[in-house]
C-alpha atoms as a PDB file:
ATOM      1  CA  MET A   1     158.397 187.432 234.489  1.00  0.00           C
ATOM      2  CA  PHE A   2     155.310 185.411 235.459  1.00  0.00           C
ATOM      3  CA  GLY A   3     156.627 183.066 238.141  1.00  0.00           C
ATOM      4  CA  HIS A   4     154.421 180.064 238.905  1.00  0.00           C
ATOM      5  CA  ARG A   5     151.705 181.396 236.670  1.00  0.00           C
ATOM      6  CA  HIS A   6     153.623 180.207 233.587  1.00  0.00           C
ATOM      7  CA  ARG A   7     151.910 176.762 233.986  1.00  0.00           C
ATOM      8  CA  TRP A   8     148.510 178.392 233.446  1.00  0.00           C
ATOM      9  CA  ILE A   9     149.678 180.547 230.708  1.00  0.00           C
ATOM     10  CA  ALA A  10     151.249 177.764 228.786  1.00  0.00           C
ATOM     11  CA  ARG A  11     148.110 175.703 229.084  1.00  0.00           C
ATOM     12  CA  ALA A  12     145.856 178.498 228.004  1.00  0.00           C
ATOM     13  CA  PHE A  13     148.160 179.180 224.956  1.00  0.00           C
ATOM     14  CA  LEU A  14     147.772 175.530 223.999  1.00  0.00           C
ATOM     15  CA  VAL A  15     143.983 175.726 224.041  1.00  0.00           C
ATOM     16  CA  PHE A  16     144.194 178.888 222.043  1.00  0.00           C
ATOM     17  CA  THR A  17     146.509 177.194 219.613  1.00  0.00           C
ATOM     18  CA  VAL A  18     144.210 174.383 218.970  1.00  0.00           C
ATOM     19  CA  ALA A  19     141.219 176.785 218.805  1.00  0.00           C
ATOM     20  CA  ILE A  20     142.714 178.895 215.955  1.00  0.00           C
ATOM     21  CA  GLY A  21     143.525 175.649 214.406  1.00  0.00           C
ATOM     22  CA  PHE A  22     139.870 174.816 213.989  1.00  0.00           C
ATOM     23  CA  LEU A  23     139.149 178.505 212.998  1.00  0.00           C
ATOM     24  CA  GLY A  24     141.899 178.858 210.311  1.00  0.00           C
ATOM     25  CA  TRP A  25     145.267 177.557 209.546  1.00  0.00           C
ATOM     26  CA  TYR A  26     145.645 173.832 210.043  1.00  0.00           C
ATOM     27  CA  GLY A  27     149.399 174.197 210.759  1.00  0.00           C
ATOM     28  CA  TRP A  28     148.470 175.376 214.279  1.00  0.00           C
ATOM     29  CA  PHE A  29     147.661 171.622 214.973  1.00  0.00           C
ATOM     30  CA  PHE A  30     151.454 170.815 214.315  1.00  0.00           C
ATOM     31  CA  TRP A  31     152.538 173.532 216.788  1.00  0.00           C
ATOM     32  CA  ALA A  32     150.154 172.288 219.343  1.00  0.00           C
ATOM     33  CA  MET A  33     151.366 168.801 219.009  1.00  0.00           C
ATOM     34  CA  LEU A  34     154.975 170.067 219.221  1.00  0.00           C
ATOM     35  CA  MET A  35     154.078 172.068 222.402  1.00  0.00           C
ATOM     36  CA  VAL A  36     152.682 168.740 223.917  1.00  0.00           C
ATOM     37  CA  LEU A  37     155.750 166.760 222.792  1.00  0.00           C
ATOM     38  CA  VAL A  38     158.381 169.270 224.153  1.00  0.00           C
ATOM     39  CA  GLY A  39     156.533 169.990 227.381  1.00  0.00           C
ATOM     40  CA  LEU A  40     154.526 172.965 228.659  1.00  0.00           C
ATOM     41  CA  ASP A  41     156.556 173.325 231.882  1.00  0.00           C
ATOM     42  CA  HIS A  42     159.504 175.561 232.012  1.00  0.00           C
ATOM     43  CA  PRO A  43     162.604 174.034 233.513  1.00  0.00           C
ATOM     44  CA  PRO A  44     163.722 175.335 236.905  1.00  0.00           C
ATOM     45  CA  THR A  45     165.965 178.320 236.748  1.00  0.00           C
ATOM     46  CA  LEU A  46     169.321 178.299 238.552  1.00  0.00           C
ATOM     47  CA  ASP A  47     168.154 181.026 240.925  1.00  0.00           C
ATOM     48  CA  ALA A  48     164.536 180.945 241.453  1.00  0.00           C
ATOM     49  CA  VAL A  49     164.473 183.440 244.410  1.00  0.00           C
ATOM     50  CA  THR A  50     166.004 186.241 242.625  1.00  0.00           C
ATOM     51  CA  HIS A  51     163.514 188.350 240.567  1.00  0.00           C
ATOM     52  CA  LEU A  52     164.260 190.150 237.371  1.00  0.00           C
ATOM     53  CA  ASP A  53     165.606 193.843 237.571  1.00  0.00           C
ATOM     54  CA  PRO A  54     163.525 196.404 236.049  1.00  0.00           C
ATOM     55  CA  ARG A  55     165.616 196.718 232.868  1.00  0.00           C
ATOM     56  CA  ARG A  56     164.991 192.962 232.086  1.00  0.00           C
ATOM     57  CA  ARG A  57     161.339 193.189 233.094  1.00  0.00           C
ATOM     58  CA  VAL A  58     160.750 196.020 230.651  1.00  0.00           C
ATOM     59  CA  ALA A  59     162.563 194.017 227.889  1.00  0.00           C
ATOM     60  CA  GLY A  60     160.363 191.114 228.642  1.00  0.00           C
ATOM     61  CA  TRP A  61     157.208 193.004 228.407  1.00  0.00           C
ATOM     62  CA  LEU A  62     158.265 194.782 225.180  1.00  0.00           C
ATOM     63  CA  THR A  63     159.112 191.465 223.677  1.00  0.00           C
ATOM     64  CA  LEU A  64     155.792 190.092 224.589  1.00  0.00           C
ATOM     65  CA  LEU A  65     154.177 193.307 223.114  1.00  0.00           C
ATOM     66  CA  LEU A  66     156.003 192.823 219.964  1.00  0.00           C
ATOM     67  CA  PHE A  67     154.703 189.313 219.655  1.00  0.00           C
ATOM     68  CA  VAL A  68     151.062 190.361 220.264  1.00  0.00           C
ATOM     69  CA  ALA A  69     151.594 193.254 217.627  1.00  0.00           C
ATOM     70  CA  THR A  70     152.989 191.046 214.984  1.00  0.00           C
ATOM     71  CA  PHE A  71     150.922 187.840 215.419  1.00  0.00           C
ATOM     72  CA  ILE A  72     148.729 186.591 212.602  1.00  0.00           C
ATOM     73  CA  PRO A  73     146.340 183.764 212.855  1.00  0.00           C
ATOM     74  CA  VAL A  74     146.681 182.687 209.177  1.00  0.00           C
ATOM     75  CA  PRO A  75     150.260 182.858 207.994  1.00  0.00           C
ATOM     76  CA  ILE A  76     150.894 184.442 204.430  1.00  0.00           C
ATOM     77  CA  THR A  77     149.704 181.849 201.880  1.00  0.00           C
ATOM     78  CA  PRO A  78     149.332 182.188 198.253  1.00  0.00           C
ATOM     79  CA  LEU A  79     145.874 182.831 196.902  1.00  0.00           C
ATOM     80  CA  GLU A  80     144.161 180.329 194.598  1.00  0.00           C
ATOM     81  CA  GLY A  81     143.169 181.464 191.113  1.00  0.00           C
ATOM     82  CA  GLY A  82     146.346 183.438 190.339  1.00  0.00           C
ATOM     83  CA  VAL A  83     145.413 186.736 191.576  1.00  0.00           C
ATOM     84  CA  GLY A  84     147.988 189.350 190.960  1.00  0.00           C
ATOM     85  CA  PRO A  85     150.868 189.910 188.281  1.00  0.00           C
ATOM     86  CA  LYS A  86     152.076 186.807 186.360  1.00  0.00           C
ATOM     87  CA  PRO A  87     155.573 185.726 187.112  1.00  0.00           C
ATOM     88  CA  ASP A  88     157.069 187.217 183.802  1.00  0.00           C
ATOM     89  CA  GLU A  89     155.582 190.567 184.802  1.00  0.00           C
ATOM     90  CA  LEU A  90     157.574 190.589 188.013  1.00  0.00           C
ATOM     91  CA  ILE A  91     160.923 190.747 186.001  1.00  0.00           C
ATOM     92  CA  PRO A  92     161.642 194.432 185.077  1.00  0.00           C
ATOM     93  CA  ALA A  93     163.541 193.402 181.908  1.00  0.00           C
ATOM     94  CA  ALA A  94     160.554 191.379 180.521  1.00  0.00           C
ATOM     95  CA  ILE A  95     158.283 194.483 181.177  1.00  0.00           C
ATOM     96  CA  TRP A  96     160.918 196.729 179.527  1.00  0.00           C
ATOM     97  CA  LEU A  97     161.202 194.604 176.463  1.00  0.00           C
ATOM     98  CA  ARG A  98     157.650 194.211 175.803  1.00  0.00           C
ATOM     99  CA  ARG A  99     157.074 197.969 175.175  1.00  0.00           C
END
């Protein structure tokens, strides 16, 4: 989909991952370290000359769009201070018996 530009995209995403690690969730540093350990370069394809057909290109762009639409910089984490219902309030039977 991106051809030889994948090298720059991978490195930009590594910088982005480290940057959001400083701005929010520290778990991004783990993912950045994992990217460095695994490697940023894609292995060569079996057929580097043939381009993707239109159907696969659309599927690739839709997958990228889905990633961008669902990305959250800070994953779901529990709030401190116990905001929300108590655990016994989450059990419908306990609520019913209290009435």
